[in-house]
C-alpha cells in the first residue's frame, strides 16, 4: 500500500530543506535589520513584530521544503 522507506525519505528531504529555507529567511531578516526592529519595539508592537518575524521564517521554510519535494519528485521520475 504505502512504501514506508519512500515516505521517510520524503519527510527527511522536506525537513532538511525546511530548516535550510528557514535559516536563509532568518539570515535575510538579520541582514535587513529586522531583528533590531523587534528588539526595539515596545508593548503590543513587540508581539506583532515577533509574529511577523515568525511567519516570515516559517514561510521561508515551507517554500524551501515544498520546492525540494517538487524537485525530488521530478528527479525520481
PDB file of N, CA and C in Angstrom:
ATOM      1  N   UNK A   1       0.829  -1.185   0.000  1.00  0.00           N
ATOM      2  CA  UNK A   1       0.000   0.000   0.000  1.00  0.00           C
ATOM      3  C   UNK A   1       0.878   1.255   0.000  1.00  0.00           C
ATOM      4  N   UNK A   2       1.563   1.531   1.109  1.00  0.00           N
ATOM      5  CA  UNK A   2       2.473   2.663   1.174  1.00  0.00           C
ATOM      6  C   UNK A   2       3.892   2.150   1.302  1.00  0.00           C
ATOM      7  N   UNK A   3       4.789   2.789   0.616  1.00  0.00           N
ATOM      8  CA  UNK A   3       6.195   2.446   0.723  1.00  0.00           C
ATOM      9  C   UNK A   3       6.781   3.269   1.872  1.00  0.00           C
ATOM     10  N   UNK A   4       7.028   2.619   2.997  1.00  0.00           N
ATOM     11  CA  UNK A   4       7.481   3.309   4.197  1.00  0.00           C
ATOM     12  C   UNK A   4       8.823   3.987   3.982  1.00  0.00           C
ATOM     13  N   UNK A   5       9.734   3.333   3.289  1.00  0.00           N
ATOM     14  CA  UNK A   5      11.048   3.922   3.032  1.00  0.00           C
ATOM     15  C   UNK A   5      10.920   5.202   2.213  1.00  0.00           C
ATOM     16  N   UNK A   6      10.071   5.180   1.208  1.00  0.00           N
ATOM     17  CA  UNK A   6       9.881   6.368   0.368  1.00  0.00           C
ATOM     18  C   UNK A   6       9.272   7.505   1.176  1.00  0.00           C
ATOM     19  N   UNK A   7       8.350   7.184   2.077  1.00  0.00           N
ATOM     20  CA  UNK A   7       7.712   8.208   2.888  1.00  0.00           C
ATOM     21  C   UNK A   7       8.718   8.840   3.851  1.00  0.00           C
ATOM     22  N   UNK A   8       9.547   8.007   4.481  1.00  0.00           N
ATOM     23  CA  UNK A   8      10.569   8.512   5.399  1.00  0.00           C
ATOM     24  C   UNK A   8      11.573   9.368   4.635  1.00  0.00           C
ATOM     25  N   UNK A   9      11.949   8.927   3.448  1.00  0.00           N
ATOM     26  CA  UNK A   9      12.868   9.691   2.615  1.00  0.00           C
ATOM     27  C   UNK A   9      12.281  11.047   2.251  1.00  0.00           C
ATOM     28  N   UNK A  10      11.003  11.070   1.914  1.00  0.00           N
ATOM     29  CA  UNK A  10      10.335  12.322   1.568  1.00  0.00           C
ATOM     30  C   UNK A  10      10.282  13.259   2.759  1.00  0.00           C
ATOM     31  N   UNK A  11       9.987  12.727   3.930  1.00  0.00           N
ATOM     32  CA  UNK A  11       9.940  13.556   5.141  1.00  0.00           C
ATOM     33  C   UNK A  11      11.323  14.114   5.453  1.00  0.00           C
ATOM     34  N   UNK A  12      12.367  13.295   5.291  1.00  0.00           N
ATOM     35  CA  UNK A  12      13.732  13.769   5.530  1.00  0.00           C
ATOM     36  C   UNK A  12      14.097  14.912   4.592  1.00  0.00           C
ATOM     37  N   UNK A  13      13.744  14.757   3.310  1.00  0.00           N
ATOM     38  CA  UNK A  13      14.031  15.810   2.332  1.00  0.00           C
ATOM     39  C   UNK A  13      13.299  17.092   2.725  1.00  0.00           C
ATOM     40  N   UNK A  14      12.016  16.975   3.072  1.00  0.00           N
ATOM     41  CA  UNK A  14      11.244  18.159   3.432  1.00  0.00           C
ATOM     42  C   UNK A  14      11.812  18.837   4.671  1.00  0.00           C
ATOM     43  N   UNK A  15      12.096  18.072   5.709  1.00  0.00           N
ATOM     44  CA  UNK A  15      12.595  18.650   6.962  1.00  0.00           C
ATOM     45  C   UNK A  15      13.938  19.338   6.735  1.00  0.00           C
ATOM     46  N   UNK A  16      14.830  18.689   6.008  1.00  0.00           N
ATOM     47  CA  UNK A  16      16.143  19.285   5.756  1.00  0.00           C
ATOM     48  C   UNK A  16      16.002  20.628   5.040  1.00  0.00           C
ATOM     49  N   UNK A  17      15.219  20.666   3.970  1.00  0.00           N
ATOM     50  CA  UNK A  17      15.084  21.901   3.207  1.00  0.00           C
ATOM     51  C   UNK A  17      14.204  22.922   3.907  1.00  0.00           C
ATOM     52  N   UNK A  18      13.321  22.471   4.807  1.00  0.00           N
ATOM     53  CA  UNK A  18      12.568  23.404   5.649  1.00  0.00           C
ATOM     54  C   UNK A  18      13.526  24.153   6.558  1.00  0.00           C
ATOM     55  N   UNK A  19      14.453  23.425   7.159  1.00  0.00           N
ATOM     56  CA  UNK A  19      15.444  24.046   8.044  1.00  0.00           C
ATOM     57  C   UNK A  19      16.346  25.001   7.249  1.00  0.00           C
ATOM     58  N   UNK A  20      16.783  24.569   6.082  1.00  0.00           N
ATOM     59  CA  UNK A  20      17.631  25.424   5.245  1.00  0.00           C
ATOM     60  C   UNK A  20      16.866  26.686   4.823  1.00  0.00           C
ATOM     61  N   UNK A  21      15.627  26.534   4.388  1.00  0.00           N
ATOM     62  CA  UNK A  21      14.821  27.690   3.979  1.00  0.00           C
ATOM     63  C   UNK A  21      14.551  28.647   5.132  1.00  0.00           C
ATOM     64  N   UNK A  22      14.284  28.099   6.308  1.00  0.00           N
ATOM     65  CA  UNK A  22      14.059  28.942   7.485  1.00  0.00           C
ATOM     66  C   UNK A  22      15.316  29.704   7.858  1.00  0.00           C
ATOM     67  N   UNK A  23      16.443  29.027   7.795  1.00  0.00           N
ATOM     68  CA  UNK A  23      17.718  29.675   8.123  1.00  0.00           C
ATOM     69  C   UNK A  23      18.034  30.787   7.127  1.00  0.00           C
ATOM     70  N   UNK A  24      17.777  30.536   5.858  1.00  0.00           N
ATOM     71  CA  UNK A  24      18.018  31.566   4.847  1.00  0.00           C
ATOM     72  C   UNK A  24      17.094  32.764   5.061  1.00  0.00           C
ATOM     73  N   UNK A  25      15.832  32.518   5.383  1.00  0.00           N
ATOM     74  CA  UNK A  25      14.902  33.616   5.651  1.00  0.00           C
ATOM     75  C   UNK A  25      15.365  34.422   6.864  1.00  0.00           C
ATOM     76  N   UNK A  26      15.815  33.741   7.908  1.00  0.00           N
ATOM     77  CA  UNK A  26      16.329  34.421   9.092  1.00  0.00           C
ATOM     78  C   UNK A  26      17.565  35.242   8.758  1.00  0.00           C
ATOM     79  N   UNK A  27      18.440  34.706   7.916  1.00  0.00           N
ATOM     80  CA  UNK A  27      19.642  35.445   7.517  1.00  0.00           C
ATOM     81  C   UNK A  27      19.274  36.723   6.770  1.00  0.00           C
ATOM     82  N   UNK A  28      18.298  36.638   5.885  1.00  0.00           N
ATOM     83  CA  UNK A  28      17.863  37.835   5.142  1.00  0.00           C
ATOM     84  C   UNK A  28      17.269  38.861   6.094  1.00  0.00           C
ATOM     85  N   UNK A  29      16.462  38.405   7.047  1.00  0.00           N
ATOM     86  CA  UNK A  29      15.862  39.319   8.025  1.00  0.00           C
ATOM     87  C   UNK A  29      16.956  39.994   8.851  1.00  0.00           C
ATOM     88  N   UNK A  30      17.962  39.223   9.244  1.00  0.00           N
ATOM     89  CA  UNK A  30      19.047  39.800  10.030  1.00  0.00           C
ATOM     90  C   UNK A  30      19.839  40.822   9.216  1.00  0.00           C
ATOM     91  N   UNK A  31      20.084  40.538   7.941  1.00  0.00           N
ATOM     92  CA  UNK A  31      20.806  41.483   7.088  1.00  0.00           C
ATOM     93  C   UNK A  31      20.033  42.785   6.894  1.00  0.00           C
ATOM     94  N   UNK A  32      18.719  42.684   6.860  1.00  0.00           N
ATOM     95  CA  UNK A  32      17.889  43.874   6.654  1.00  0.00           C
ATOM     96  C   UNK A  32      17.601  44.633   7.942  1.00  0.00           C
ATOM     97  N   UNK A  33      18.048  44.111   9.073  1.00  0.00           N
ATOM     98  CA  UNK A  33      17.849  44.807  10.344  1.00  0.00           C
ATOM     99  C   UNK A  33      16.516  44.526  11.004  1.00  0.00           C
ATOM    100  N   UNK A  34      15.851  43.469  10.618  1.00  0.00           N
ATOM    101  CA  UNK A  34      14.542  43.147  11.196  1.00  0.00           C
ATOM    102  C   UNK A  34      14.608  42.726  12.647  1.00  0.00           C
ATOM    103  N   UNK A  35      15.685  42.071  13.043  1.00  0.00           N
ATOM    104  CA  UNK A  35      15.834  41.642  14.438  1.00  0.00           C
ATOM    105  C   UNK A  35      15.943  42.858  15.347  1.00  0.00           C
ATOM    106  N   UNK A  36      16.669  43.869  14.899  1.00  0.00           N
ATOM    107  CA  UNK A  36      16.819  45.102  15.680  1.00  0.00           C
ATOM    108  C   UNK A  36      15.469  45.773  15.885  1.00  0.00           C
ATOM    109  N   UNK A  37      14.631  45.778  14.839  1.00  0.00           N
ATOM    110  CA  UNK A  37      13.294  46.368  14.966  1.00  0.00           C
ATOM    111  C   UNK A  37      12.460  45.639  16.007  1.00  0.00           C
ATOM    112  N   UNK A  38      12.575  44.316  16.042  1.00  0.00           N
ATOM    113  CA  UNK A  38      11.820  43.535  17.030  1.00  0.00           C
ATOM    114  C   UNK A  38      12.302  43.862  18.427  1.00  0.00           C
ATOM    115  N   UNK A  39      13.619  43.964  18.599  1.00  0.00           N
ATOM    116  CA  UNK A  39      14.177  44.237  19.930  1.00  0.00           C
ATOM    117  C   UNK A  39      13.829  45.655  20.417  1.00  0.00           C
ATOM    118  N   UNK A  40      13.720  46.601  19.508  1.00  0.00           N
ATOM    119  CA  UNK A  40      13.443  47.981  19.899  1.00  0.00           C
ATOM    120  C   UNK A  40      11.954  48.268  20.055  1.00  0.00           C
ATOM    121  N   UNK A  41      11.101  47.376  19.603  1.00  0.00           N
ATOM    122  CA  UNK A  41       9.650  47.598  19.693  1.00  0.00           C
ATOM    123  C   UNK A  41       9.201  47.541  21.152  1.00  0.00           C
ATOM    124  N   UNK A  42       8.166  48.285  21.472  1.00  0.00           N
ATOM    125  CA  UNK A  42       7.640  48.374  22.838  1.00  0.00           C
ATOM    126  C   UNK A  42       6.213  47.813  22.889  1.00  0.00           C
ATOM    127  N   UNK A  43       5.869  47.165  23.983  1.00  0.00           N
ATOM    128  CA  UNK A  43       4.496  46.731  24.248  1.00  0.00           C
ATOM    129  C   UNK A  43       3.931  45.762  23.229  1.00  0.00           C
ATOM    130  N   UNK A  44       2.699  46.047  22.798  1.00  0.00           N
ATOM    131  CA  UNK A  44       1.998  45.138  21.892  1.00  0.00           C
ATOM    132  C   UNK A  44       2.620  45.145  20.492  1.00  0.00           C
ATOM    133  N   UNK A  45       3.325  46.219  20.151  1.00  0.00           N
ATOM    134  CA  UNK A  45       4.001  46.267  18.849  1.00  0.00           C
ATOM    135  C   UNK A  45       5.062  45.175  18.791  1.00  0.00           C
ATOM    136  N   UNK A  46       5.712  44.896  19.934  1.00  0.00           N
ATOM    137  CA  UNK A  46       6.733  43.845  20.016  1.00  0.00           C
ATOM    138  C   UNK A  46       6.138  42.502  19.638  1.00  0.00           C
ATOM    139  N   UNK A  47       4.943  42.210  20.149  1.00  0.00           N
ATOM    140  CA  UNK A  47       4.277  40.939  19.838  1.00  0.00           C
ATOM    141  C   UNK A  47       3.931  40.854  18.354  1.00  0.00           C
ATOM    142  N   UNK A  48       3.465  41.949  17.789  1.00  0.00           N
ATOM    143  CA  UNK A  48       3.134  41.959  16.363  1.00  0.00           C
ATOM    144  C   UNK A  48       4.380  41.754  15.510  1.00  0.00           C
ATOM    145  N   UNK A  49       5.465  42.406  15.885  1.00  0.00           N
ATOM    146  CA  UNK A  49       6.716  42.246  15.143  1.00  0.00           C
ATOM    147  C   UNK A  49       7.231  40.811  15.256  1.00  0.00           C
ATOM    148  N   UNK A  50       7.081  40.220  16.430  1.00  0.00           N
ATOM    149  CA  UNK A  50       7.533  38.840  16.625  1.00  0.00           C
ATOM    150  C   UNK A  50       6.715  37.877  15.772  1.00  0.00           C
ATOM    151  N   UNK A  51       5.405  38.084  15.706  1.00  0.00           N
ATOM    152  CA  UNK A  51       4.542  37.242  14.867  1.00  0.00           C
ATOM    153  C   UNK A  51       4.917  37.423  13.399  1.00  0.00           C
ATOM    154  N   UNK A  52       5.174  38.666  13.011  1.00  0.00           N
ATOM    155  CA  UNK A  52       5.580  38.953  11.633  1.00  0.00           C
ATOM    156  C   UNK A  52       6.892  38.241  11.303  1.00  0.00           C
ATOM    157  N   UNK A  53       7.810  38.259  12.235  1.00  0.00           N
ATOM    158  CA  UNK A  53       9.107  37.603  12.058  1.00  0.00           C
ATOM    159  C   UNK A  53       8.945  36.090  11.935  1.00  0.00           C
ATOM    160  N   UNK A  54       8.141  35.504  12.806  1.00  0.00           N
ATOM    161  CA  UNK A  54       7.958  34.048  12.790  1.00  0.00           C
ATOM    162  C   UNK A  54       7.242  33.579  11.519  1.00  0.00           C
ATOM    163  N   UNK A  55       6.256  34.330  11.060  1.00  0.00           N
ATOM    164  CA  UNK A  55       5.575  33.913   9.832  1.00  0.00           C
ATOM    165  C   UNK A  55       6.510  33.974   8.626  1.00  0.00           C
ATOM    166  N   UNK A  56       7.412  34.942   8.622  1.00  0.00           N
ATOM    167  CA  UNK A  56       8.376  35.033   7.530  1.00  0.00           C
ATOM    168  C   UNK A  56       9.341  33.863   7.556  1.00  0.00           C
ATOM    169  N   UNK A  57       9.812  33.505   8.746  1.00  0.00           N
ATOM    170  CA  UNK A  57      10.748  32.389   8.864  1.00  0.00           C
ATOM    171  C   UNK A  57      10.068  31.079   8.486  1.00  0.00           C
ATOM    172  N   UNK A  58       8.859  30.860   8.975  1.00  0.00           N
ATOM    173  CA  UNK A  58       8.129  29.629   8.646  1.00  0.00           C
ATOM    174  C   UNK A  58       7.783  29.597   7.159  1.00  0.00           C
ATOM    175  N   UNK A  59       7.434  30.753   6.598  1.00  0.00           N
ATOM    176  CA  UNK A  59       7.148  30.822   5.165  1.00  0.00           C
ATOM    177  C   UNK A  59       8.359  30.462   4.321  1.00  0.00           C
ATOM    178  N   UNK A  60       9.528  30.925   4.738  1.00  0.00           N
ATOM    179  CA  UNK A  60      10.759  30.562   4.035  1.00  0.00           C
ATOM    180  C   UNK A  60      11.028  29.072   4.106  1.00  0.00           C
ATOM    181  N   UNK A  61      10.758  28.492   5.279  1.00  0.00           N
ATOM    182  CA  UNK A  61      10.935  27.052   5.427  1.00  0.00           C
ATOM    183  C   UNK A  61       9.973  26.259   4.572  1.00  0.00           C
ATOM    184  N   UNK A  62       8.713  26.678   4.541  1.00  0.00           N
ATOM    185  CA  UNK A  62       7.719  25.984   3.719  1.00  0.00           C
ATOM    186  C   UNK A  62       8.051  26.093   2.238  1.00  0.00           C
ATOM    187  N   UNK A  63       8.494  27.268   1.833  1.00  0.00           N
ATOM    188  CA  UNK A  63       8.877  27.446   0.431  1.00  0.00           C
ATOM    189  C   UNK A  63      10.038  26.524   0.067  1.00  0.00           C
ATOM    190  N   UNK A  64      11.068  26.502   0.910  1.00  0.00           N
ATOM    191  CA  UNK A  64      12.215  25.629   0.645  1.00  0.00           C
ATOM    192  C   UNK A  64      11.829  24.164   0.645  1.00  0.00           C
ATOM    193  N   UNK A  65      11.025  23.747   1.619  1.00  0.00           N
ATOM    194  CA  UNK A  65      10.616  22.352   1.711  1.00  0.00           C
ATOM    195  C   UNK A  65       9.758  21.908   0.543  1.00  0.00           C
ATOM    196  N   UNK A  66       8.814  22.738   0.146  1.00  0.00           N
ATOM    197  CA  UNK A  66       7.924  22.370  -0.960  1.00  0.00           C
ATOM    198  C   UNK A  66       8.653  22.324  -2.294  1.00  0.00           C
ATOM    199  N   UNK A  67       9.533  23.284  -2.528  1.00  0.00           N
ATOM    200  CA  UNK A  67      10.316  23.255  -3.766  1.00  0.00           C
ATOM    201  C   UNK A  67      11.203  22.017  -3.797  1.00  0.00           C
ATOM    202  N   UNK A  68      11.784  21.668  -2.649  1.00  0.00           N
ATOM    203  CA  UNK A  68      12.626  20.468  -2.590  1.00  0.00           C
ATOM    204  C   UNK A  68      11.816  19.210  -2.895  1.00  0.00           C
ATOM    205  N   UNK A  69      10.585  19.123  -2.378  1.00  0.00           N
ATOM    206  CA  UNK A  69       9.741  17.955  -2.665  1.00  0.00           C
ATOM    207  C   UNK A  69       9.402  17.870  -4.146  1.00  0.00           C
ATOM    208  N   UNK A  70       9.106  19.007  -4.750  1.00  0.00           N
ATOM    209  CA  UNK A  70       8.785  19.007  -6.182  1.00  0.00           C
ATOM    210  C   UNK A  70       9.993  18.554  -7.000  1.00  0.00           C
ATOM    211  N   UNK A  71      11.159  19.109  -6.699  1.00  0.00           N
ATOM    212  CA  UNK A  71      12.358  18.739  -7.422  1.00  0.00           C
ATOM    213  C   UNK A  71      12.756  17.280  -7.178  1.00  0.00           C
ATOM    214  N   UNK A  72      12.527  16.802  -5.958  1.00  0.00           N
ATOM    215  CA  UNK A  72      12.816  15.401  -5.634  1.00  0.00           C
ATOM    216  C   UNK A  72      11.899  14.477  -6.432  1.00  0.00           C
ATOM    217  N   UNK A  73      10.648  14.850  -6.549  1.00  0.00           N
ATOM    218  CA  UNK A  73       9.684  14.054  -7.309  1.00  0.00           C
ATOM    219  C   UNK A  73      10.063  14.024  -8.789  1.00  0.00           C
ATOM    220  N   UNK A  74      10.491  15.173  -9.325  1.00  0.00           N
ATOM    221  CA  UNK A  74      10.906  15.240 -10.724  1.00  0.00           C
ATOM    222  C   UNK A  74      12.141  14.372 -10.947  1.00  0.00           C
ATOM    223  N   UNK A  75      13.079  14.429  -9.996  1.00  0.00           N
ATOM    224  CA  UNK A  75      14.314  13.650 -10.126  1.00  0.00           C
ATOM    225  C   UNK A  75      14.035  12.136 -10.130  1.00  0.00           C
ATOM    226  N   UNK A  76      13.057  11.710  -9.330  1.00  0.00           N
ATOM    227  CA  UNK A  76      12.744  10.287  -9.236  1.00  0.00           C
ATOM    228  C   UNK A  76      11.999   9.762 -10.450  1.00  0.00           C
ATOM    229  N   UNK A  77      11.310  10.627 -11.173  1.00  0.00           N
ATOM    230  CA  UNK A  77      10.525  10.141 -12.321  1.00  0.00           C
ATOM    231  C   UNK A  77      11.303  10.177 -13.614  1.00  0.00           C
TER     232      UNK A  77
END
